[in-house]
Amino acid sequence: MKTLTQFKKELIAERPQLEEMIANDLAELQLSEQLRKLRKDAGLTQKAVAEKMHVTRAYISQLEGKPQNVQISTLLKYARAVGGQFRFTSKLEA
């Protein structure tokens, strides 16, 4: 039986573009987990965060569920709404 790592390596060997897609999906998943954790650690509901950000609860749900094309300004507002800080780190590639 193949491990997940072996399966991933085989897929990427066949279709190299999948590596970037997998990395992007993983980054989105990690971001959504971090957003939910920050909110829950602050003891806030999605509705409370939405009110502080002047957006709908559905928008917060979407942001925490599958954050796509999120602007840095939105992440800054979210961090402020939950009493946290936003730190941006970047990995530059040539």
PDB file of N, CA and C in Angstrom:
ATOM      1  N   MET A   1       0.840  -1.174   0.000  1.00  0.00           N
ATOM      2  CA  MET A   1       0.000   0.000   0.000  1.00  0.00           C
ATOM      3  C   MET A   1       0.895   1.250   0.000  1.00  0.00           C
ATOM      4  N   LYS A   2       0.560   2.214  -0.827  1.00  0.00           N
ATOM      5  CA  LYS A   2       1.330   3.454  -0.929  1.00  0.00           C
ATOM      6  C   LYS A   2       0.978   4.398   0.217  1.00  0.00           C
ATOM      7  N   THR A   3       1.986   5.126   0.656  1.00  0.00           N
ATOM      8  CA  THR A   3       1.721   6.176   1.627  1.00  0.00           C
ATOM      9  C   THR A   3       1.249   7.408   0.862  1.00  0.00           C
ATOM     10  N   LEU A   4       0.689   8.358   1.586  1.00  0.00           N
ATOM     11  CA  LEU A   4       0.248   9.604   0.968  1.00  0.00           C
ATOM     12  C   LEU A   4       1.421  10.334   0.328  1.00  0.00           C
ATOM     13  N   THR A   5       2.562  10.301   0.973  1.00  0.00           N
ATOM     14  CA  THR A   5       3.765  10.954   0.446  1.00  0.00           C
ATOM     15  C   THR A   5       4.197  10.315  -0.873  1.00  0.00           C
ATOM     16  N   GLN A   6       4.185   8.998  -0.925  1.00  0.00           N
ATOM     17  CA  GLN A   6       4.555   8.296  -2.155  1.00  0.00           C
ATOM     18  C   GLN A   6       3.575   8.633  -3.283  1.00  0.00           C
ATOM     19  N   PHE A   7       2.289   8.619  -2.961  1.00  0.00           N
ATOM     20  CA  PHE A   7       1.260   8.934  -3.948  1.00  0.00           C
ATOM     21  C   PHE A   7       1.443  10.353  -4.478  1.00  0.00           C
ATOM     22  N   LYS A   8       1.705  11.301  -3.571  1.00  0.00           N
ATOM     23  CA  LYS A   8       1.920  12.691  -3.966  1.00  0.00           C
ATOM     24  C   LYS A   8       3.132  12.804  -4.894  1.00  0.00           C
ATOM     25  N   LYS A   9       4.225  12.143  -4.561  1.00  0.00           N
ATOM     26  CA  LYS A   9       5.435  12.186  -5.396  1.00  0.00           C
ATOM     27  C   LYS A   9       5.169  11.653  -6.796  1.00  0.00           C
ATOM     28  N   GLU A  10       4.414  10.562  -6.878  1.00  0.00           N
ATOM     29  CA  GLU A  10       4.092   9.996  -8.180  1.00  0.00           C
ATOM     30  C   GLU A  10       3.228  10.943  -9.010  1.00  0.00           C
ATOM     31  N   LEU A  11       2.236  11.544  -8.360  1.00  0.00           N
ATOM     32  CA  LEU A  11       1.369  12.494  -9.071  1.00  0.00           C
ATOM     33  C   LEU A  11       2.165  13.681  -9.595  1.00  0.00           C
ATOM     34  N   ILE A  12       3.034  14.216  -8.758  1.00  0.00           N
ATOM     35  CA  ILE A  12       3.825  15.391  -9.145  1.00  0.00           C
ATOM     36  C   ILE A  12       4.814  15.028 -10.249  1.00  0.00           C
ATOM     37  N   ALA A  13       5.343  13.815 -10.211  1.00  0.00           N
ATOM     38  CA  ALA A  13       6.262  13.385 -11.279  1.00  0.00           C
ATOM     39  C   ALA A  13       5.532  13.345 -12.623  1.00  0.00           C
ATOM     40  N   GLU A  14       4.269  12.936 -12.593  1.00  0.00           N
ATOM     41  CA  GLU A  14       3.469  12.865 -13.818  1.00  0.00           C
ATOM     42  C   GLU A  14       2.972  14.243 -14.262  1.00  0.00           C
ATOM     43  N   ARG A  15       2.625  15.082 -13.277  1.00  0.00           N
ATOM     44  CA  ARG A  15       2.057  16.400 -13.576  1.00  0.00           C
ATOM     45  C   ARG A  15       2.668  17.432 -12.625  1.00  0.00           C
ATOM     46  N   PRO A  16       3.821  18.009 -12.987  1.00  0.00           N
ATOM     47  CA  PRO A  16       4.548  18.932 -12.108  1.00  0.00           C
ATOM     48  C   PRO A  16       3.720  20.133 -11.627  1.00  0.00           C
ATOM     49  N   GLN A  17       2.745  20.578 -12.400  1.00  0.00           N
ATOM     50  CA  GLN A  17       1.944  21.737 -12.003  1.00  0.00           C
ATOM     51  C   GLN A  17       1.121  21.450 -10.739  1.00  0.00           C
ATOM     52  N   LEU A  18       0.941  20.181 -10.419  1.00  0.00           N
ATOM     53  CA  LEU A  18       0.179  19.829  -9.216  1.00  0.00           C
ATOM     54  C   LEU A  18       0.890  20.258  -7.939  1.00  0.00           C
ATOM     55  N   GLU A  19       2.213  20.319  -7.961  1.00  0.00           N
ATOM     56  CA  GLU A  19       2.958  20.682  -6.746  1.00  0.00           C
ATOM     57  C   GLU A  19       2.548  22.072  -6.268  1.00  0.00           C
ATOM     58  N   GLU A  20       2.479  23.028  -7.181  1.00  0.00           N
ATOM     59  CA  GLU A  20       2.080  24.385  -6.805  1.00  0.00           C
ATOM     60  C   GLU A  20       0.627  24.415  -6.346  1.00  0.00           C
ATOM     61  N   MET A  21      -0.228  23.674  -7.016  1.00  0.00           N
ATOM     62  CA  MET A  21      -1.643  23.633  -6.624  1.00  0.00           C
ATOM     63  C   MET A  21      -1.803  23.057  -5.218  1.00  0.00           C
ATOM     64  N   ILE A  22      -1.072  22.009  -4.930  1.00  0.00           N
ATOM     65  CA  ILE A  22      -1.132  21.391  -3.605  1.00  0.00           C
ATOM     66  C   ILE A  22      -0.610  22.360  -2.552  1.00  0.00           C
ATOM     67  N   ALA A  23       0.484  23.046  -2.849  1.00  0.00           N
ATOM     68  CA  ALA A  23       1.054  24.014  -1.901  1.00  0.00           C
ATOM     69  C   ALA A  23       0.069  25.145  -1.632  1.00  0.00           C
ATOM     70  N   ASN A  24      -0.599  25.631  -2.665  1.00  0.00           N
ATOM     71  CA  ASN A  24      -1.584  26.705  -2.490  1.00  0.00           C
ATOM     72  C   ASN A  24      -2.762  26.245  -1.646  1.00  0.00           C
ATOM     73  N   ASP A  25      -3.260  25.048  -1.916  1.00  0.00           N
ATOM     74  CA  ASP A  25      -4.383  24.516  -1.134  1.00  0.00           C
ATOM     75  C   ASP A  25      -3.993  24.338   0.326  1.00  0.00           C
ATOM     76  N   LEU A  26      -2.789  23.867   0.558  1.00  0.00           N
ATOM     77  CA  LEU A  26      -2.313  23.679   1.928  1.00  0.00           C
ATOM     78  C   LEU A  26      -2.195  25.025   2.645  1.00  0.00           C
ATOM     79  N   ALA A  27      -1.691  26.028   1.955  1.00  0.00           N
ATOM     80  CA  ALA A  27      -1.562  27.364   2.555  1.00  0.00           C
ATOM     81  C   ALA A  27      -2.937  27.934   2.909  1.00  0.00           C
ATOM     82  N   GLU A  28      -3.929  27.749   2.041  1.00  0.00           N
ATOM     83  CA  GLU A  28      -5.290  28.221   2.332  1.00  0.00           C
ATOM     84  C   GLU A  28      -5.859  27.507   3.549  1.00  0.00           C
ATOM     85  N   LEU A  29      -5.628  26.203   3.629  1.00  0.00           N
ATOM     86  CA  LEU A  29      -6.112  25.426   4.764  1.00  0.00           C
ATOM     87  C   LEU A  29      -5.472  25.904   6.062  1.00  0.00           C
ATOM     88  N   GLN A  30      -4.166  26.130   6.032  1.00  0.00           N
ATOM     89  CA  GLN A  30      -3.468  26.605   7.230  1.00  0.00           C
ATOM     90  C   GLN A  30      -3.972  27.975   7.645  1.00  0.00           C
ATOM     91  N   LEU A  31      -4.226  28.855   6.677  1.00  0.00           N
ATOM     92  CA  LEU A  31      -4.735  30.192   6.991  1.00  0.00           C
ATOM     93  C   LEU A  31      -6.111  30.097   7.627  1.00  0.00           C
ATOM     94  N   SER A  32      -6.992  29.287   7.056  1.00  0.00           N
ATOM     95  CA  SER A  32      -8.343  29.188   7.623  1.00  0.00           C
ATOM     96  C   SER A  32      -8.300  28.632   9.045  1.00  0.00           C
ATOM     97  N   GLU A  33      -7.432  27.660   9.291  1.00  0.00           N
ATOM     98  CA  GLU A  33      -7.294  27.109  10.641  1.00  0.00           C
ATOM     99  C   GLU A  33      -6.790  28.166  11.615  1.00  0.00           C
ATOM    100  N   GLN A  34      -5.828  28.964  11.182  1.00  0.00           N
ATOM    101  CA  GLN A  34      -5.272  30.007  12.047  1.00  0.00           C
ATOM    102  C   GLN A  34      -6.324  31.078  12.361  1.00  0.00           C
ATOM    103  N   LEU A  35      -7.117  31.450  11.365  1.00  0.00           N
ATOM    104  CA  LEU A  35      -8.152  32.460  11.597  1.00  0.00           C
ATOM    105  C   LEU A  35      -9.179  31.968  12.610  1.00  0.00           C
ATOM    106  N   ARG A  36      -9.667  30.754  12.421  1.00  0.00           N
ATOM    107  CA  ARG A  36     -10.643  30.195  13.368  1.00  0.00           C
ATOM    108  C   ARG A  36     -10.058  30.107  14.774  1.00  0.00           C
ATOM    109  N   LYS A  37      -8.810  29.663  14.879  1.00  0.00           N
ATOM    110  CA  LYS A  37      -8.171  29.534  16.192  1.00  0.00           C
ATOM    111  C   LYS A  37      -8.051  30.889  16.880  1.00  0.00           C
ATOM    112  N   LEU A  38      -7.629  31.909  16.136  1.00  0.00           N
ATOM    113  CA  LEU A  38      -7.532  33.247  16.721  1.00  0.00           C
ATOM    114  C   LEU A  38      -8.873  33.722  17.267  1.00  0.00           C
ATOM    115  N   ARG A  39      -9.921  33.513  16.471  1.00  0.00           N
ATOM    116  CA  ARG A  39     -11.258  33.956  16.886  1.00  0.00           C
ATOM    117  C   ARG A  39     -11.723  33.196  18.119  1.00  0.00           C
ATOM    118  N   LYS A  40     -11.568  31.880  18.092  1.00  0.00           N
ATOM    119  CA  LYS A  40     -12.022  31.070  19.222  1.00  0.00           C
ATOM    120  C   LYS A  40     -11.209  31.351  20.477  1.00  0.00           C
ATOM    121  N   ASP A  41      -9.907  31.542  20.323  1.00  0.00           N
ATOM    122  CA  ASP A  41      -9.059  31.878  21.481  1.00  0.00           C
ATOM    123  C   ASP A  41      -9.477  33.211  22.094  1.00  0.00           C
ATOM    124  N   ALA A  42     -10.001  34.109  21.260  1.00  0.00           N
ATOM    125  CA  ALA A  42     -10.468  35.404  21.755  1.00  0.00           C
ATOM    126  C   ALA A  42     -11.870  35.301  22.347  1.00  0.00           C
ATOM    127  N   GLY A  43     -12.499  34.129  22.216  1.00  0.00           N
ATOM    128  CA  GLY A  43     -13.840  33.927  22.763  1.00  0.00           C
ATOM    129  C   GLY A  43     -14.924  34.641  21.972  1.00  0.00           C
ATOM    130  N   LEU A  44     -14.692  34.823  20.677  1.00  0.00           N
ATOM    131  CA  LEU A  44     -15.638  35.558  19.840  1.00  0.00           C
ATOM    132  C   LEU A  44     -16.370  34.631  18.880  1.00  0.00           C
ATOM    133  N   THR A  45     -17.591  35.021  18.550  1.00  0.00           N
ATOM    134  CA  THR A  45     -18.356  34.314  17.525  1.00  0.00           C
ATOM    135  C   THR A  45     -18.057  34.956  16.168  1.00  0.00           C
ATOM    136  N   GLN A  46     -18.430  34.259  15.113  1.00  0.00           N
ATOM    137  CA  GLN A  46     -18.282  34.842  13.777  1.00  0.00           C
ATOM    138  C   GLN A  46     -19.101  36.124  13.673  1.00  0.00           C
ATOM    139  N   LYS A  47     -20.273  36.130  14.284  1.00  0.00           N
ATOM    140  CA  LYS A  47     -21.141  37.318  14.246  1.00  0.00           C
ATOM    141  C   LYS A  47     -20.453  38.509  14.913  1.00  0.00           C
ATOM    142  N   ALA A  48     -19.812  38.276  16.049  1.00  0.00           N
ATOM    143  CA  ALA A  48     -19.131  39.366  16.761  1.00  0.00           C
ATOM    144  C   ALA A  48     -17.981  39.930  15.930  1.00  0.00           C
ATOM    145  N   VAL A  49     -17.221  39.055  15.291  1.00  0.00           N
ATOM    146  CA  VAL A  49     -16.113  39.511  14.448  1.00  0.00           C
ATOM    147  C   VAL A  49     -16.658  40.281  13.253  1.00  0.00           C
ATOM    148  N   ALA A  50     -17.731  39.777  12.664  1.00  0.00           N
ATOM    149  CA  ALA A  50     -18.352  40.447  11.517  1.00  0.00           C
ATOM    150  C   ALA A  50     -18.796  41.854  11.886  1.00  0.00           C
ATOM    151  N   GLU A  51     -19.391  42.000  13.053  1.00  0.00           N
ATOM    152  CA  GLU A  51     -19.844  43.324  13.500  1.00  0.00           C
ATOM    153  C   GLU A  51     -18.660  44.278  13.673  1.00  0.00           C
ATOM    154  N   LYS A  52     -17.576  43.784  14.236  1.00  0.00           N
ATOM    155  CA  LYS A  52     -16.390  44.633  14.418  1.00  0.00           C
ATOM    156  C   LYS A  52     -15.772  45.034  13.089  1.00  0.00           C
ATOM    157  N   MET A  53     -15.878  44.142  12.088  1.00  0.00           N
ATOM    158  CA  MET A  53     -15.278  44.420  10.777  1.00  0.00           C
ATOM    159  C   MET A  53     -16.254  45.116   9.826  1.00  0.00           C
ATOM    160  N   HIS A  54     -17.523  45.235  10.245  1.00  0.00           N
ATOM    161  CA  HIS A  54     -18.568  45.832   9.404  1.00  0.00           C
ATOM    162  C   HIS A  54     -18.781  45.025   8.124  1.00  0.00           C
ATOM    163  N   VAL A  55     -18.843  43.703   8.293  1.00  0.00           N
ATOM    164  CA  VAL A  55     -19.132  42.786   7.195  1.00  0.00           C
ATOM    165  C   VAL A  55     -20.193  41.807   7.689  1.00  0.00           C
ATOM    166  N   THR A  56     -20.610  40.897   6.826  1.00  0.00           N
ATOM    167  CA  THR A  56     -21.614  39.918   7.237  1.00  0.00           C
ATOM    168  C   THR A  56     -20.959  38.710   7.900  1.00  0.00           C
ATOM    169  N   ARG A  57     -21.766  38.000   8.678  1.00  0.00           N
ATOM    170  CA  ARG A  57     -21.280  36.773   9.297  1.00  0.00           C
ATOM    171  C   ARG A  57     -20.923  35.756   8.213  1.00  0.00           C
ATOM    172  N   ALA A  58     -21.687  35.754   7.129  1.00  0.00           N
ATOM    173  CA  ALA A  58     -21.405  34.834   6.014  1.00  0.00           C
ATOM    174  C   ALA A  58     -20.020  35.099   5.428  1.00  0.00           C
ATOM    175  N   TYR A  59     -19.609  36.365   5.380  1.00  0.00           N
ATOM    176  CA  TYR A  59     -18.283  36.695   4.864  1.00  0.00           C
ATOM    177  C   TYR A  59     -17.196  36.123   5.782  1.00  0.00           C
ATOM    178  N   ILE A  60     -17.398  36.238   7.092  1.00  0.00           N
ATOM    179  CA  ILE A  60     -16.429  35.678   8.046  1.00  0.00           C
ATOM    180  C   ILE A  60     -16.380  34.164   7.896  1.00  0.00           C
ATOM    181  N   SER A  61     -17.529  33.544   7.724  1.00  0.00           N
ATOM    182  CA  SER A  61     -17.587  32.100   7.523  1.00  0.00           C
ATOM    183  C   SER A  61     -16.808  31.700   6.273  1.00  0.00           C
ATOM    184  N   GLN A  62     -16.983  32.451   5.206  1.00  0.00           N
ATOM    185  CA  GLN A  62     -16.256  32.181   3.959  1.00  0.00           C
ATOM    186  C   GLN A  62     -14.755  32.384   4.160  1.00  0.00           C
ATOM    187  N   LEU A  63     -14.402  33.452   4.859  1.00  0.00           N
ATOM    188  CA  LEU A  63     -12.995  33.762   5.116  1.00  0.00           C
ATOM    189  C   LEU A  63     -12.335  32.643   5.917  1.00  0.00           C
ATOM    190  N   GLU A  64     -13.044  32.145   6.925  1.00  0.00           N
ATOM    191  CA  GLU A  64     -12.498  31.077   7.759  1.00  0.00           C
ATOM    192  C   GLU A  64     -12.591  29.706   7.080  1.00  0.00           C
ATOM    193  N   GLY A  65     -13.476  29.572   6.119  1.00  0.00           N
ATOM    194  CA  GLY A  65     -13.692  28.284   5.474  1.00  0.00           C
ATOM    195  C   GLY A  65     -12.781  28.027   4.298  1.00  0.00           C
ATOM    196  N   LYS A  66     -12.691  28.976   3.394  1.00  0.00           N
ATOM    197  CA  LYS A  66     -11.858  28.820   2.200  1.00  0.00           C
ATOM    198  C   LYS A  66     -11.408  30.204   1.758  1.00  0.00           C
ATOM    199  N   PRO A  67     -10.385  30.721   2.423  1.00  0.00           N
ATOM    200  CA  PRO A  67      -9.928  32.073   2.094  1.00  0.00           C
ATOM    201  C   PRO A  67      -9.194  32.104   0.758  1.00  0.00           C
ATOM    202  N   GLN A  68      -9.819  32.708  -0.240  1.00  0.00           N
ATOM    203  CA  GLN A  68      -9.197  32.812  -1.554  1.00  0.00           C
ATOM    204  C   GLN A  68      -9.083  34.281  -1.928  1.00  0.00           C
ATOM    205  N   ASN A  69      -7.950  34.635  -2.471  1.00  0.00           N
ATOM    206  CA  ASN A  69      -7.717  36.010  -2.929  1.00  0.00           C
ATOM    207  C   ASN A  69      -8.011  37.038  -1.833  1.00  0.00           C
ATOM    208  N   VAL A  70      -7.568  36.727  -0.632  1.00  0.00           N
ATOM    209  CA  VAL A  70      -7.794  37.614   0.504  1.00  0.00           C
ATOM    210  C   VAL A  70      -6.775  38.737   0.475  1.00  0.00           C
ATOM    211  N   GLN A  71      -7.262  39.943   0.657  1.00  0.00           N
ATOM    212  CA  GLN A  71      -6.359  41.089   0.698  1.00  0.00           C
ATOM    213  C   GLN A  71      -5.699  41.188   2.074  1.00  0.00           C
ATOM    214  N   ILE A  72      -4.493  41.692   2.080  1.00  0.00           N
ATOM    215  CA  ILE A  72      -3.771  41.864   3.341  1.00  0.00           C
ATOM    216  C   ILE A  72      -4.554  42.794   4.266  1.00  0.00           C
ATOM    217  N   SER A  73      -5.186  43.802   3.711  1.00  0.00           N
ATOM    218  CA  SER A  73      -5.972  44.728   4.540  1.00  0.00           C
ATOM    219  C   SER A  73      -7.101  43.994   5.262  1.00  0.00           C
ATOM    220  N   THR A  74      -7.682  42.986   4.622  1.00  0.00           N
ATOM    221  CA  THR A  74      -8.741  42.194   5.262  1.00  0.00           C
ATOM    222  C   THR A  74      -8.172  41.391   6.426  1.00  0.00           C
ATOM    223  N   LEU A  75      -6.999  40.813   6.231  1.00  0.00           N
ATOM    224  CA  LEU A  75      -6.366  40.060   7.312  1.00  0.00           C
ATOM    225  C   LEU A  75      -5.994  40.975   8.479  1.00  0.00           C
ATOM    226  N   LEU A  76      -5.554  42.185   8.172  1.00  0.00           N
ATOM    227  CA  LEU A  76      -5.251  43.156   9.231  1.00  0.00           C
ATOM    228  C   LEU A  76      -6.509  43.505  10.026  1.00  0.00           C
ATOM    229  N   LYS A  77      -7.625  43.737   9.326  1.00  0.00           N
ATOM    230  CA  LYS A  77      -8.900  44.048   9.993  1.00  0.00           C
ATOM    231  C   LYS A  77      -9.353  42.875  10.859  1.00  0.00           C
ATOM    232  N   TYR A  78      -9.219  41.678  10.330  1.00  0.00           N
ATOM    233  CA  TYR A  78      -9.614  40.484  11.082  1.00  0.00           C
ATOM    234  C   TYR A  78      -8.772  40.372  12.353  1.00  0.00           C
ATOM    235  N   ALA A  79      -7.467  40.537  12.202  1.00  0.00           N
ATOM    236  CA  ALA A  79      -6.572  40.437  13.362  1.00  0.00           C
ATOM    237  C   ALA A  79      -6.945  41.464  14.428  1.00  0.00           C
ATOM    238  N   ARG A  80      -7.203  42.687  14.008  1.00  0.00           N
ATOM    239  CA  ARG A  80      -7.611  43.724  14.972  1.00  0.00           C
ATOM    240  C   ARG A  80      -8.936  43.362  15.634  1.00  0.00           C
ATOM    241  N   ALA A  81      -9.872  42.821  14.863  1.00  0.00           N
ATOM    242  CA  ALA A  81     -11.200  42.478  15.388  1.00  0.00           C
ATOM    243  C   ALA A  81     -11.130  41.397  16.459  1.00  0.00           C
ATOM    244  N   VAL A  82     -10.162  40.500  16.348  1.00  0.00           N
ATOM    245  CA  VAL A  82     -10.035  39.426  17.340  1.00  0.00           C
ATOM    246  C   VAL A  82      -8.968  39.735  18.392  1.00  0.00           C
ATOM    247  N   GLY A  83      -8.414  40.944  18.327  1.00  0.00           N
ATOM    248  CA  GLY A  83      -7.415  41.345  19.313  1.00  0.00           C
ATOM    249  C   GLY A  83      -6.051  40.753  19.074  1.00  0.00           C
ATOM    250  N   GLY A  84      -5.775  40.374  17.846  1.00  0.00           N
ATOM    251  CA  GLY A  84      -4.483  39.773  17.518  1.00  0.00           C
ATOM    252  C   GLY A  84      -3.632  40.694  16.674  1.00  0.00           C
ATOM    253  N   GLN A  85      -2.555  40.155  16.175  1.00  0.00           N
ATOM    254  CA  GLN A  85      -1.665  40.894  15.297  1.00  0.00           C
ATOM    255  C   GLN A  85      -1.447  40.076  14.036  1.00  0.00           C
ATOM    256  N   PHE A  86      -1.217  40.776  12.954  1.00  0.00           N
ATOM    257  CA  PHE A  86      -0.940  40.109  11.694  1.00  0.00           C
ATOM    258  C   PHE A  86       0.509  40.339  11.356  1.00  0.00           C
ATOM    259  N   ARG A  87       1.235  39.235  11.129  1.00  0.00           N
ATOM    260  CA  ARG A  87       2.628  39.324  10.698  1.00  0.00           C
ATOM    261  C   ARG A  87       2.740  38.666   9.346  1.00  0.00           C
ATOM    262  N   PHE A  88       3.311  39.370   8.430  1.00  0.00           N
ATOM    263  CA  PHE A  88       3.452  38.870   7.064  1.00  0.00           C
ATOM    264  C   PHE A  88       4.887  38.416   6.863  1.00  0.00           C
ATOM    265  N   THR A  89       5.041  37.200   6.418  1.00  0.00           N
ATOM    266  CA  THR A  89       6.360  36.711   6.040  1.00  0.00           C
ATOM    267  C   THR A  89       6.271  36.260   4.596  1.00  0.00           C
ATOM    268  N   SER A  90       7.323  36.455   3.882  1.00  0.00           N
ATOM    269  CA  SER A  90       7.310  36.130   2.469  1.00  0.00           C
ATOM    270  C   SER A  90       8.547  35.334   2.117  1.00  0.00           C
ATOM    271  N   LYS A  91       8.353  34.403   1.229  1.00  0.00           N
ATOM    272  CA  LYS A  91       9.477  33.634   0.709  1.00  0.00           C
ATOM    273  C   LYS A  91       9.617  34.025  -0.757  1.00  0.00           C
ATOM    274  N   LEU A  92      10.654  34.734  -1.053  1.00  0.00           N
ATOM    275  CA  LEU A  92      10.887  35.174  -2.418  1.00  0.00           C
ATOM    276  C   LEU A  92      11.638  34.110  -3.171  1.00  0.00           C
ATOM    277  N   GLU A  93      11.235  33.914  -4.418  1.00  0.00           N
ATOM    278  CA  GLU A  93      11.901  32.936  -5.263  1.00  0.00           C
ATOM    279  C   GLU A  93      12.351  33.593  -6.550  1.00  0.00           C
ATOM    280  N   ALA A  94      13.448  33.123  -7.088  1.00  0.00           N
ATOM    281  CA  ALA A  94      13.963  33.673  -8.352  1.00  0.00           C
ATOM    282  C   ALA A  94      13.310  33.009  -9.525  1.00  0.00           C
TER     283      ALA A  94
END
